[in-house]
PDB file of N, CA and C in Angstrom:
ATOM      1  N   MET A   1     -43.149  -1.696 -25.400  1.00  0.00           N
ATOM      2  CA  MET A   1     -43.081  -0.411 -24.641  1.00  0.00           C
ATOM      3  C   MET A   1     -42.208  -1.373 -23.336  1.00  0.00           C
ATOM      4  N   LYS A   2     -42.642  -2.452 -22.757  1.00  0.00           N
ATOM      5  CA  LYS A   2     -42.316  -3.209 -21.721  1.00  0.00           C
ATOM      6  C   LYS A   2     -40.518  -3.792 -21.831  1.00  0.00           C
ATOM      7  N   LEU A   3     -40.396  -3.773 -23.241  1.00  0.00           N
ATOM      8  CA  LEU A   3     -39.329  -4.814 -23.612  1.00  0.00           C
ATOM      9  C   LEU A   3     -37.879  -3.053 -23.188  1.00  0.00           C
ATOM     10  N   GLU A   4     -38.826  -1.839 -24.341  1.00  0.00           N
ATOM     11  CA  GLU A   4     -37.577  -0.719 -23.558  1.00  0.00           C
ATOM     12  C   GLU A   4     -37.571  -0.640 -22.366  1.00  0.00           C
ATOM     13  N   SER A   5     -38.511  -0.891 -21.460  1.00  0.00           N
ATOM     14  CA  SER A   5     -38.277  -0.071 -20.061  1.00  0.00           C
ATOM     15  C   SER A   5     -36.795  -1.448 -19.390  1.00  0.00           C
ATOM     16  N   VAL A   6     -37.546  -2.307 -19.785  1.00  0.00           N
ATOM     17  CA  VAL A   6     -36.264  -3.624 -18.891  1.00  0.00           C
ATOM     18  C   VAL A   6     -34.958  -3.077 -19.803  1.00  0.00           C
ATOM     19  N   ASP A   7     -35.091  -2.792 -20.988  1.00  0.00           N
ATOM     20  CA  ASP A   7     -33.687  -2.163 -21.731  1.00  0.00           C
ATOM     21  C   ASP A   7     -32.923  -1.555 -20.702  1.00  0.00           C
ATOM     22  N   GLN A   8     -33.922  -0.242 -20.322  1.00  0.00           N
ATOM     23  CA  GLN A   8     -33.522   0.982 -19.876  1.00  0.00           C
ATOM     24  C   GLN A   8     -32.980   0.227 -18.558  1.00  0.00           C
ATOM     25  N   LYS A   9     -33.656  -0.305 -17.774  1.00  0.00           N
ATOM     26  CA  LYS A   9     -33.333  -0.818 -16.418  1.00  0.00           C
ATOM     27  C   LYS A   9     -32.050  -1.423 -16.173  1.00  0.00           C
ATOM     28  N   ILE A  10     -31.536  -2.401 -17.019  1.00  0.00           N
ATOM     29  CA  ILE A  10     -30.434  -3.176 -17.000  1.00  0.00           C
ATOM     30  C   ILE A  10     -29.709  -1.908 -17.375  1.00  0.00           C
ATOM     31  N   GLU A  11     -29.938  -1.059 -18.278  1.00  0.00           N
ATOM     32  CA  GLU A  11     -28.348  -0.008 -19.079  1.00  0.00           C
ATOM     33  C   GLU A  11     -27.958   0.385 -17.200  1.00  0.00           C
ATOM     34  N   GLN A  12     -29.496   0.969 -16.779  1.00  0.00           N
ATOM     35  CA  GLN A  12     -29.378   1.774 -15.492  1.00  0.00           C
ATOM     36  C   GLN A  12     -28.228   1.148 -14.888  1.00  0.00           C
ATOM     37  N   VAL A  13     -29.074  -0.107 -14.529  1.00  0.00           N
ATOM     38  CA  VAL A  13     -28.123  -1.111 -13.257  1.00  0.00           C
ATOM     39  C   VAL A  13     -26.319  -1.513 -13.599  1.00  0.00           C
ATOM     40  N   ASP A  14     -26.266  -2.044 -15.186  1.00  0.00           N
ATOM     41  CA  ASP A  14     -24.698  -1.741 -15.615  1.00  0.00           C
ATOM     42  C   ASP A  14     -24.231  -0.650 -15.398  1.00  0.00           C
ATOM     43  N   ASP A  15     -24.677   0.598 -15.575  1.00  0.00           N
ATOM     44  CA  ASP A  15     -24.131   2.252 -15.401  1.00  0.00           C
ATOM     45  C   ASP A  15     -23.662   2.157 -14.083  1.00  0.00           C
ATOM     46  N   LYS A  16     -24.493   1.795 -13.059  1.00  0.00           N
ATOM     47  CA  LYS A  16     -23.970   1.447 -11.181  1.00  0.00           C
ATOM     48  C   LYS A  16     -23.014   1.047 -11.149  1.00  0.00           C
ATOM     49  N   ILE A  17     -22.892  -0.302 -11.759  1.00  0.00           N
ATOM     50  CA  ILE A  17     -22.113  -1.252 -11.427  1.00  0.00           C
ATOM     51  C   ILE A  17     -20.903  -1.018 -11.733  1.00  0.00           C
ATOM     52  N   LEU A  18     -20.602  -0.107 -12.819  1.00  0.00           N
ATOM     53  CA  LEU A  18     -19.446   0.521 -13.672  1.00  0.00           C
ATOM     54  C   LEU A  18     -18.836   1.569 -12.479  1.00  0.00           C
ATOM     55  N   GLU A  19     -19.687   2.341 -12.437  1.00  0.00           N
ATOM     56  CA  GLU A  19     -19.316   3.327 -11.649  1.00  0.00           C
ATOM     57  C   GLU A  19     -19.057   2.941 -10.180  1.00  0.00           C
ATOM     58  N   TRP A  20     -19.508   1.741  -9.887  1.00  0.00           N
ATOM     59  CA  TRP A  20     -19.529   1.273  -8.448  1.00  0.00           C
ATOM     60  C   TRP A  20     -17.754   0.981  -8.439  1.00  0.00           C
ATOM     61  N   HIS A  21     -17.464  -0.173  -9.402  1.00  0.00           N
ATOM     62  CA  HIS A  21     -16.194  -0.700  -9.867  1.00  0.00           C
ATOM     63  C   HIS A  21     -14.874   0.216  -9.885  1.00  0.00           C
ATOM     64  N   ASP A  22     -15.612   1.238 -10.673  1.00  0.00           N
ATOM     65  CA  ASP A  22     -14.922   2.441 -10.746  1.00  0.00           C
ATOM     66  C   ASP A  22     -14.266   3.056  -9.531  1.00  0.00           C
ATOM     67  N   SER A  23     -15.588   3.247  -8.392  1.00  0.00           N
ATOM     68  CA  SER A  23     -15.240   4.012  -7.377  1.00  0.00           C
ATOM     69  C   SER A  23     -14.437   3.001  -6.045  1.00  0.00           C
ATOM     70  N   ASN A  24     -14.487   1.422  -6.606  1.00  0.00           N
ATOM     71  CA  ASN A  24     -13.912   0.412  -5.559  1.00  0.00           C
ATOM     72  C   ASN A  24     -12.129   0.533  -5.857  1.00  0.00           C
ATOM     73  N   ASN A  25     -11.941   0.718  -7.213  1.00  0.00           N
ATOM     74  CA  ASN A  25     -10.776   1.013  -7.926  1.00  0.00           C
ATOM     75  C   ASN A  25      -9.617   1.729  -7.129  1.00  0.00           C
ATOM     76  N   LYS A  26     -10.560   2.977  -7.425  1.00  0.00           N
ATOM     77  CA  LYS A  26     -10.364   4.540  -6.919  1.00  0.00           C
ATOM     78  C   LYS A  26      -9.525   4.302  -5.272  1.00  0.00           C
ATOM     79  N   LYS A  27     -10.168   3.282  -4.127  1.00  0.00           N
ATOM     80  CA  LYS A  27     -10.214   2.997  -3.100  1.00  0.00           C
ATOM     81  C   LYS A  27      -9.171   2.359  -2.566  1.00  0.00           C
ATOM     82  N   PHE A  28      -9.314   1.417  -4.094  1.00  0.00           N
ATOM     83  CA  PHE A  28      -8.356   0.404  -3.555  1.00  0.00           C
ATOM     84  C   PHE A  28      -7.052   1.263  -3.433  1.00  0.00           C
ATOM     85  N   ASN A  29      -6.803   1.739  -4.945  1.00  0.00           N
ATOM     86  CA  ASN A  29      -5.427   2.322  -5.250  1.00  0.00           C
ATOM     87  C   ASN A  29      -4.651   3.144  -4.299  1.00  0.00           C
ATOM     88  N   VAL A  30      -5.883   3.702  -3.649  1.00  0.00           N
ATOM     89  CA  VAL A  30      -5.590   4.929  -2.199  1.00  0.00           C
ATOM     90  C   VAL A  30      -4.588   3.898  -1.392  1.00  0.00           C
ATOM     91  N   PHE A  31      -5.427   2.931  -1.158  1.00  0.00           N
ATOM     92  CA  PHE A  31      -4.860   1.680   0.034  1.00  0.00           C
ATOM     93  C   PHE A  31      -3.830   1.123  -0.372  1.00  0.00           C
ATOM     94  N   ARG A  32      -3.742   0.833  -1.591  1.00  0.00           N
ATOM     95  CA  ARG A  32      -2.527   0.094  -1.982  1.00  0.00           C
ATOM     96  C   ARG A  32      -1.183   1.147  -1.653  1.00  0.00           C
ATOM     97  N   GLU A  33      -1.576   2.457  -2.347  1.00  0.00           N
ATOM     98  CA  GLU A  33      -0.539   3.128  -2.024  1.00  0.00           C
ATOM     99  C   GLU A  33       0.121   3.642  -0.589  1.00  0.00           C
ATOM    100  N   ARG A  34      -0.953   3.277   0.228  1.00  0.00           N
ATOM    101  CA  ARG A  34      -0.725   3.604   1.752  1.00  0.00           C
ATOM    102  C   ARG A  34       0.298   2.454   2.105  1.00  0.00           C
ATOM    103  N   ILE A  35      -0.534   1.656   2.125  1.00  0.00           N
ATOM    104  CA  ILE A  35       0.589   0.049   2.111  1.00  0.00           C
ATOM    105  C   ILE A  35       1.959   0.166   1.456  1.00  0.00           C
ATOM    106  N   ASN A  36       2.127   0.615   0.505  1.00  0.00           N
ATOM    107  CA  ASN A  36       3.815   0.629  -0.400  1.00  0.00           C
ATOM    108  C   ASN A  36       3.698   1.198   0.886  1.00  0.00           C
ATOM    109  N   ASP A  37       3.712   3.052   0.839  1.00  0.00           N
ATOM    110  CA  ASP A  37       4.419   3.670   1.760  1.00  0.00           C
ATOM    111  C   ASP A  37       4.753   3.101   2.701  1.00  0.00           C
ATOM    112  N   TYR A  38       3.974   2.658   3.780  1.00  0.00           N
ATOM    113  CA  TYR A  38       4.335   1.862   4.974  1.00  0.00           C
ATOM    114  C   TYR A  38       5.301   0.749   4.903  1.00  0.00           C
ATOM    115  N   GLN A  39       5.516  -0.159   3.691  1.00  0.00           N
ATOM    116  CA  GLN A  39       6.366  -1.122   3.948  1.00  0.00           C
ATOM    117  C   GLN A  39       7.765  -0.581   3.511  1.00  0.00           C
ATOM    118  N   LYS A  40       7.579   0.680   2.302  1.00  0.00           N
ATOM    119  CA  LYS A  40       8.880   1.101   2.185  1.00  0.00           C
ATOM    120  C   LYS A  40       9.382   1.899   3.576  1.00  0.00           C
ATOM    121  N   PHE A  41       8.564   2.820   4.757  1.00  0.00           N
ATOM    122  CA  PHE A  41       8.845   3.529   5.521  1.00  0.00           C
ATOM    123  C   PHE A  41       9.725   1.831   6.205  1.00  0.00           C
ATOM    124  N   ILE A  42       8.761   0.757   6.391  1.00  0.00           N
ATOM    125  CA  ILE A  42       9.172  -0.463   7.565  1.00  0.00           C
ATOM    126  C   ILE A  42      10.716  -0.228   6.911  1.00  0.00           C
ATOM    127  N   GLU A  43      11.259  -0.578   6.211  1.00  0.00           N
ATOM    128  CA  GLU A  43      12.465  -1.114   5.253  1.00  0.00           C
ATOM    129  C   GLU A  43      12.998   0.032   5.236  1.00  0.00           C
ATOM    130  N   GLU A  44      13.189   1.376   5.577  1.00  0.00           N
ATOM    131  CA  GLU A  44      13.714   2.059   5.564  1.00  0.00           C
ATOM    132  C   GLU A  44      14.466   2.001   6.837  1.00  0.00           C
ATOM    133  N   ASP A  45      13.706   2.144   7.791  1.00  0.00           N
ATOM    134  CA  ASP A  45      13.814   2.252   9.422  1.00  0.00           C
ATOM    135  C   ASP A  45      14.300   0.910   9.818  1.00  0.00           C
ATOM    136  N   LYS A  46      14.341  -0.122   9.308  1.00  0.00           N
ATOM    137  CA  LYS A  46      15.247  -1.429   9.366  1.00  0.00           C
ATOM    138  C   LYS A  46      16.614  -1.238   9.191  1.00  0.00           C
ATOM    139  N   LEU A  47      16.815  -1.322   8.123  1.00  0.00           N
ATOM    140  CA  LEU A  47      18.154  -0.400   7.134  1.00  0.00           C
ATOM    141  C   LEU A  47      18.655   0.304   8.441  1.00  0.00           C
ATOM    142  N   ALA A  48      18.233   1.295   8.578  1.00  0.00           N
ATOM    143  CA  ALA A  48      18.620   2.046   9.620  1.00  0.00           C
ATOM    144  C   ALA A  48      19.069   1.817  10.464  1.00  0.00           C
ATOM    145  N   LYS A  49      18.146   1.147  11.843  1.00  0.00           N
ATOM    146  CA  LYS A  49      18.503   0.241  12.601  1.00  0.00           C
ATOM    147  C   LYS A  49      19.624  -0.860  12.697  1.00  0.00           C
ATOM    148  N   ASP A  50      19.788  -1.367  11.476  1.00  0.00           N
ATOM    149  CA  ASP A  50      20.507  -2.168  10.832  1.00  0.00           C
ATOM    150  C   ASP A  50      22.191  -1.372  11.183  1.00  0.00           C
ATOM    151  N   TYR A  51      22.266  -0.786  10.508  1.00  0.00           N
ATOM    152  CA  TYR A  51      23.411   0.123  10.338  1.00  0.00           C
ATOM    153  C   TYR A  51      23.882   0.856  11.480  1.00  0.00           C
ATOM    154  N   HIS A  52      22.392   1.322  12.298  1.00  0.00           N
ATOM    155  CA  HIS A  52      23.040   1.598  13.939  1.00  0.00           C
ATOM    156  C   HIS A  52      23.396   0.495  14.568  1.00  0.00           C
ATOM    157  N   HIS A  53      22.797  -0.552  14.529  1.00  0.00           N
ATOM    158  CA  HIS A  53      23.280  -1.435  15.014  1.00  0.00           C
ATOM    159  C   HIS A  53      24.608  -2.302  14.939  1.00  0.00           C
ATOM    160  N   GLU A  54      25.224  -2.473  13.700  1.00  0.00           N
ATOM    161  CA  GLU A  54      26.412  -2.589  12.861  1.00  0.00           C
ATOM    162  C   GLU A  54      27.500  -1.845  13.288  1.00  0.00           C
ATOM    163  N   THR A  55      27.250  -0.654  13.387  1.00  0.00           N
ATOM    164  CA  THR A  55      28.200   0.364  13.890  1.00  0.00           C
ATOM    165  C   THR A  55      28.727   0.178  15.482  1.00  0.00           C
ATOM    166  N   ARG A  56      27.474   0.034  16.224  1.00  0.00           N
ATOM    167  CA  ARG A  56      27.559  -0.056  17.612  1.00  0.00           C
ATOM    168  C   ARG A  56      28.777  -1.342  17.749  1.00  0.00           C
ATOM    169  N   LEU A  57      28.513  -2.329  17.013  1.00  0.00           N
ATOM    170  CA  LEU A  57      28.922  -3.216  17.344  1.00  0.00           C
ATOM    171  C   LEU A  57      30.516  -3.318  16.971  1.00  0.00           C
ATOM    172  N   GLN A  58      30.852  -2.586  15.770  1.00  0.00           N
ATOM    173  CA  GLN A  58      31.852  -2.197  15.520  1.00  0.00           C
ATOM    174  C   GLN A  58      32.306  -1.468  16.811  1.00  0.00           C
ATOM    175  N   GLU A  59      31.829  -0.748  17.083  1.00  0.00           N
ATOM    176  CA  GLU A  59      32.240   0.317  18.372  1.00  0.00           C
ATOM    177  C   GLU A  59      32.830  -0.583  19.375  1.00  0.00           C
ATOM    178  N   LEU A  60      31.931  -1.368  19.782  1.00  0.00           N
ATOM    179  CA  LEU A  60      32.279  -2.415  20.993  1.00  0.00           C
ATOM    180  C   LEU A  60      33.590  -3.413  20.326  1.00  0.00           C
ATOM    181  N   LYS A  61      33.671  -3.921  19.520  1.00  0.00           N
ATOM    182  CA  LYS A  61      35.110  -4.609  19.162  1.00  0.00           C
ATOM    183  C   LYS A  61      36.207  -3.464  19.086  1.00  0.00           C
ATOM    184  N   ASN A  62      36.368  -2.670  18.577  1.00  0.00           N
ATOM    185  CA  ASN A  62      37.484  -1.555  18.806  1.00  0.00           C
ATOM    186  C   ASN A  62      38.021  -1.264  20.585  1.00  0.00           C
ATOM    187  N   LEU A  63      36.071  -1.096  21.263  1.00  0.00           N
ATOM    188  CA  LEU A  63      37.192  -0.911  22.469  1.00  0.00           C
ATOM    189  C   LEU A  63      37.392  -2.410  23.123  1.00  0.00           C
ATOM    190  N   GLU A  64      36.774  -3.658  22.802  1.00  0.00           N
ATOM    191  CA  GLU A  64      37.635  -4.551  23.101  1.00  0.00           C
ATOM    192  C   GLU A  64      38.895  -4.432  23.040  1.00  0.00           C
ATOM    193  N   GLY A  65      39.568  -4.239  21.548  1.00  0.00           N
ATOM    194  CA  GLY A  65      40.510  -4.387  21.048  1.00  0.00           C
ATOM    195  C   GLY A  65      41.589  -3.141  21.989  1.00  0.00           C
ATOM    196  N   LYS A  66      41.490  -2.414  22.301  1.00  0.00           N
ATOM    197  CA  LYS A  66      42.412  -1.570  23.215  1.00  0.00           C
ATOM    198  C   LYS A  66      42.170  -1.686  24.596  1.00  0.00           C
ATOM    199  N   ILE A  67      41.648  -2.632  25.266  1.00  0.00           N
ATOM    200  CA  ILE A  67      41.540  -2.989  26.311  1.00  0.00           C
ATOM    201  C   ILE A  67      42.828  -3.979  26.780  1.00  0.00           C
TER     202      ILE A  67
END
């Protein structure tokens, strides 16, 4: 009887650990997706700023050439 009780408790603890693990994996995946979204946004923003900067430099060079 006591061995069955210990086995049941071990199984309950094991189930709780698996649930905790699954829950944390889901939270981590959401967190990872948000970080990836932020990284994508930052990269796109950087590219847009670089393009804007290069466009302005070219405009300045064109103006200097006219002077």
